[in-house]
Amino acid sequence: MREHLVNLALKLVGCPYIWGGANPWIGFDCSGFIIWLYQVFGLLPSGDWTAHGLSGWFLHRSAKANQNPSAGDLVFYGPAPTHLTHVMLALGGGLVVGASGGDHTTTTAEEARRRGAQVKVKPIGYRNDLQFALSPGFPGE
């Protein structure tokens, strides 16, 4: 399942970052990207999740913190472990993929293009506020 999740995520590279976006037809924000991917594979119930809410939901369900994230794990960023503001999908090999480069003012595809805000692959340490990664526990693991 991890391989399929990562392959689908990589097909979305270049999709615009749109604040509040949660599908590939409009665009994604960081949590919308993760929500959509995980729901496609039945790993997350419907809901309006933030990065912080996603971490809490998975931690409550016995997700394991992981210092060396594997492909498909969630990587969380923010000023403190209790204040998470960004989430990406680990690809393995020190890389993550996710919607980034925008903020609450990035509400159109034109603005996203102007800012270079889109789904992209980055090194896991591209931000200096990396907090932790979670292995949510995939079926069969």
Foldseek 3Di string as FASTA:
>chain_A
DLVVLLVVLVVFFPQFDAVVDQDSVFAHHQVSSVVNSCVVVPNDDDDDAFLLRVVVVLVVVVWDWDPQDDRQKKWFFDQANNGTHGIFTDHGPQKTWGWDQDDNVRHHRVSRVVRVTHIDMDGSPPDVGTDTITHSDDPPD
